[in-house]
Amino acid sequence: MTARLLLIAHGATAATRAAAFPRDEPLDPGAVAATRALASGLPLSHPRTQRTSGPERRCAQTSTALAPDVNSDGGPGWLEVADLSDWDAGRWAGQTLDAVSAAEPDAVQAWLQDPDAAPHGGESLTQLLHRTGAWLDARPPTSRTIAVTHPAVLRAAAVHALTAGPAAFWRIDVPPLATLSLTGTPGRWSVRLP
């Protein structure tokens, strides 16, 4: 028996388009239509599927565009999960990487090279990887879950599933509305390509 998990990156926002550290911003106007187009190819209505979402506005809007807030059986539609929150960028939130690199080049280098560094006062890469891995491994072995979350969380999930080192995180690109399918059991995940 294996768990099935489909992670979906939220739709495009002003921060994703500007390559900025995000705040709790809404989706771009065109992202809602793109999200609705994606929905037709996803298993959103399977009766045993738990639908979860990061608590930020962009995740909630993506979830709502994918499927209504109430399941067809009258049960809750999307459950907000704190462990699916975006990577906390601390005081860098709202700024572009270029701007932060110009103002704090040593801090950015430390952040990129040391997975335990959090010069912005937010969450380190190690903390993000641990949080994401713990959430994945808490999935019951027969569960089916769809999770709308953030590109950083999808990257962390892929690193955890592949039992790769933290440096692999920086080698994974996740655009808006990308999907990552995982199957397996806690501590033993496989990446499943469509």
Protein backbone atom coordinates (compact mmCIF):
# COMPACT_ATOMS: atom_id res chain seq x y z
CA MET A 1 0.00 0.00 0.00
CA THR A 2 1.33 3.39 -0.96
CA ALA A 3 0.38 6.98 -0.38
CA ARG A 4 -0.24 9.16 -3.42
CA LEU A 5 0.59 12.83 -3.28
CA LEU A 6 0.20 15.53 -5.90
CA LEU A 7 1.87 18.84 -5.09
CA ILE A 8 0.85 21.88 -7.15
CA ALA A 9 2.72 25.19 -7.15
CA HIS A 10 0.43 28.20 -6.81
CA GLY A 11 -0.31 30.37 -9.84
CA ALA A 12 1.78 33.35 -10.93
CA THR A 13 1.99 36.47 -8.77
CA ALA A 14 3.75 39.80 -9.07
CA ALA A 15 6.60 38.37 -6.95
CA THR A 16 7.10 35.31 -9.16
CA ARG A 17 7.17 37.48 -12.26
CA ALA A 18 9.71 39.87 -10.68
CA ALA A 19 11.88 37.11 -9.16
CA ALA A 20 11.23 38.65 -5.74
CA PHE A 21 10.97 37.11 -2.30
CA PRO A 22 7.20 36.91 -1.86
CA ARG A 23 4.85 38.53 0.59
CA ASP A 24 1.26 37.37 0.99
CA GLU A 25 0.26 38.67 -2.42
CA PRO A 26 -2.68 37.62 -4.61
CA LEU A 27 -2.51 35.82 -7.94
CA ASP A 28 -2.00 37.83 -11.12
CA PRO A 29 -5.29 38.31 -13.02
CA GLY A 30 -4.27 35.90 -15.78
CA ALA A 31 -3.21 33.22 -13.29
CA VAL A 32 -6.80 32.38 -12.36
CA ALA A 33 -7.64 31.42 -15.96
CA ALA A 34 -4.43 29.40 -16.27
CA THR A 35 -5.26 27.60 -13.03
CA ARG A 36 -8.77 26.74 -14.20
CA ALA A 37 -7.31 25.33 -17.42
CA LEU A 38 -4.98 23.09 -15.39
CA ALA A 39 -7.85 21.76 -13.26
CA SER A 40 -9.41 19.66 -16.01
CA GLY A 41 -6.43 17.30 -16.08
CA LEU A 42 -6.19 16.74 -12.32
CA PRO A 43 -7.85 14.09 -10.12
CA LEU A 44 -9.56 16.67 -7.92
CA SER A 45 -12.86 14.88 -7.40
CA HIS A 46 -11.66 11.45 -6.25
CA PRO A 47 -13.78 10.73 -3.16
CA ARG A 48 -10.88 9.70 -0.90
CA THR A 49 -8.58 12.57 -1.82
CA GLN A 50 -7.71 15.05 0.90
CA ARG A 51 -7.26 18.55 -0.55
CA THR A 52 -4.79 20.71 1.34
CA SER A 53 -3.34 24.15 0.80
CA GLY A 54 -0.74 26.50 2.17
CA PRO A 55 -2.35 29.29 4.24
CA GLU A 56 -1.24 32.21 2.03
CA ARG A 57 -3.69 34.09 -0.19
CA ARG A 58 -2.02 32.92 -3.43
CA CYS A 59 -2.51 29.28 -2.38
CA ALA A 60 -6.13 29.86 -1.36
CA GLN A 61 -6.88 31.56 -4.69
CA THR A 62 -5.18 28.77 -6.64
CA SER A 63 -7.12 26.13 -4.67
CA THR A 64 -10.44 27.89 -5.26
CA ALA A 65 -9.72 28.22 -8.98
CA LEU A 66 -8.88 24.50 -9.17
CA ALA A 67 -11.99 23.29 -7.35
CA PRO A 68 -14.81 24.70 -5.24
CA ASP A 69 -14.41 25.13 -1.50
CA VAL A 70 -16.85 22.29 -0.81
CA ASN A 71 -16.53 18.69 -2.01
CA SER A 72 -19.39 17.10 -3.91
CA ASP A 73 -20.21 15.02 -0.80
CA GLY A 74 -20.64 18.22 1.24
CA GLY A 75 -17.35 17.81 3.11
CA PRO A 76 -14.72 20.53 3.42
CA GLY A 77 -12.98 21.44 0.21
CA TRP A 78 -9.47 22.65 1.10
CA LEU A 79 -7.75 22.27 4.45
CA GLU A 80 -5.14 24.94 5.25
CA VAL A 81 -1.91 23.38 6.48
CA ALA A 82 0.79 25.50 8.13
CA ASP A 83 3.53 23.05 7.07
CA LEU A 84 2.74 23.96 3.45
CA SER A 85 3.60 27.62 4.08
CA ASP A 86 6.11 29.35 1.86
CA TRP A 87 9.79 29.57 2.78
CA ASP A 88 10.02 32.43 5.29
CA ALA A 89 12.32 35.06 3.75
CA GLY A 90 12.23 37.30 6.83
CA ARG A 91 13.16 40.92 6.14
CA TRP A 92 13.94 40.12 2.48
CA ALA A 93 10.23 39.59 1.72
CA GLY A 94 9.06 41.85 -1.08
CA GLN A 95 12.56 42.54 -2.41
CA THR A 96 14.15 41.10 -5.54
CA LEU A 97 17.20 38.87 -5.27
CA ASP A 98 19.15 41.43 -7.33
CA ALA A 99 18.32 44.22 -4.86
CA VAL A 100 19.22 42.12 -1.83
CA SER A 101 22.44 40.95 -3.53
CA ALA A 102 23.46 44.56 -4.16
CA ALA A 103 22.69 45.64 -0.58
CA GLU A 104 23.89 42.52 1.27
CA PRO A 105 26.24 40.51 -0.97
CA ASP A 106 27.90 38.61 1.89
CA ALA A 107 24.54 37.67 3.42
CA VAL A 108 23.24 36.39 0.08
CA GLN A 109 26.41 34.32 -0.46
CA ALA A 110 26.04 32.80 3.00
CA TRP A 111 22.37 32.03 2.31
CA LEU A 112 23.18 30.35 -1.02
CA GLN A 113 26.14 28.33 0.26
CA ASP A 114 25.25 27.37 3.83
CA PRO A 115 21.94 25.49 4.25
CA ASP A 116 21.85 26.48 7.93
CA ALA A 117 22.20 30.23 7.22
CA ALA A 118 19.23 32.56 7.62
CA PRO A 119 20.74 36.07 7.46
CA HIS A 120 17.30 37.49 6.61
CA GLY A 121 15.94 36.44 9.99
CA GLY A 122 13.53 33.93 8.46
CA GLU A 123 13.81 30.20 7.84
CA SER A 124 17.03 28.46 6.78
CA LEU A 125 17.08 25.97 3.91
CA THR A 126 17.71 23.19 6.44
CA GLN A 127 14.57 24.22 8.35
CA LEU A 128 12.49 24.27 5.14
CA LEU A 129 13.78 20.83 4.10
CA HIS A 130 13.08 19.41 7.56
CA ARG A 131 9.56 20.90 7.74
CA THR A 132 8.63 19.65 4.28
CA GLY A 133 10.12 16.19 4.84
CA ALA A 134 8.31 15.81 8.17
CA TRP A 135 5.00 16.75 6.53
CA LEU A 136 5.57 14.26 3.71
CA ASP A 137 6.49 11.46 6.07
CA ALA A 138 3.38 12.09 8.18
CA ARG A 139 1.16 11.03 5.24
CA PRO A 140 -0.75 7.85 6.11
CA PRO A 141 0.39 4.94 3.90
CA THR A 142 -2.92 4.63 2.02
CA SER A 143 -3.72 8.33 1.72
CA ARG A 144 -4.39 10.37 -1.40
CA THR A 145 -3.50 14.04 -1.05
CA ILE A 146 -3.48 17.04 -3.34
CA ALA A 147 -1.55 19.98 -1.91
CA VAL A 148 -1.45 23.50 -3.33
CA THR A 149 1.71 25.10 -2.05
CA HIS A 150 4.80 27.05 -3.13
CA PRO A 151 7.65 26.42 -5.56
CA ALA A 152 10.12 26.26 -2.65
CA VAL A 153 8.04 23.53 -0.98
CA LEU A 154 7.88 21.51 -4.22
CA ARG A 155 11.67 21.81 -4.51
CA ALA A 156 12.11 20.72 -0.89
CA ALA A 157 9.74 17.77 -1.44
CA ALA A 158 11.73 16.63 -4.48
CA VAL A 159 14.99 16.85 -2.50
CA HIS A 160 13.44 14.82 0.33
CA ALA A 161 11.94 12.20 -1.99
CA LEU A 162 15.24 11.70 -3.81
CA THR A 163 17.21 11.72 -0.52
CA ALA A 164 19.45 14.32 -2.12
CA GLY A 165 21.62 16.80 -0.25
CA PRO A 166 20.59 20.42 0.32
CA ALA A 167 22.65 21.64 -2.66
CA ALA A 168 20.20 19.83 -4.98
CA PHE A 169 17.50 22.32 -3.94
CA TRP A 170 19.19 25.04 -6.01
CA ARG A 171 19.17 22.83 -9.14
CA ILE A 172 15.39 22.45 -9.35
CA ASP A 173 13.26 25.00 -11.20
CA VAL A 174 9.56 25.14 -10.37
CA PRO A 175 7.39 27.52 -12.41
CA PRO A 176 3.89 28.59 -11.38
CA LEU A 177 1.35 25.74 -11.58
CA ALA A 178 4.04 23.05 -11.83
CA THR A 179 3.06 19.68 -10.41
CA LEU A 180 5.07 17.06 -8.56
CA SER A 181 3.66 13.59 -8.10
CA LEU A 182 5.02 11.37 -5.33
CA THR A 183 4.11 7.82 -4.38
CA GLY A 184 5.40 5.72 -1.54
CA THR A 185 5.47 5.41 2.19
CA PRO A 186 6.96 7.62 4.89
CA GLY A 187 10.72 7.85 4.35
CA ARG A 188 10.54 6.02 1.00
CA TRP A 189 9.14 8.25 -1.72
CA SER A 190 9.37 7.96 -5.48
CA VAL A 191 8.97 10.81 -7.93
CA ARG A 192 6.39 9.92 -10.53
CA LEU A 193 6.50 11.62 -13.91
CA PRO A 194 3.23 12.05 -15.83
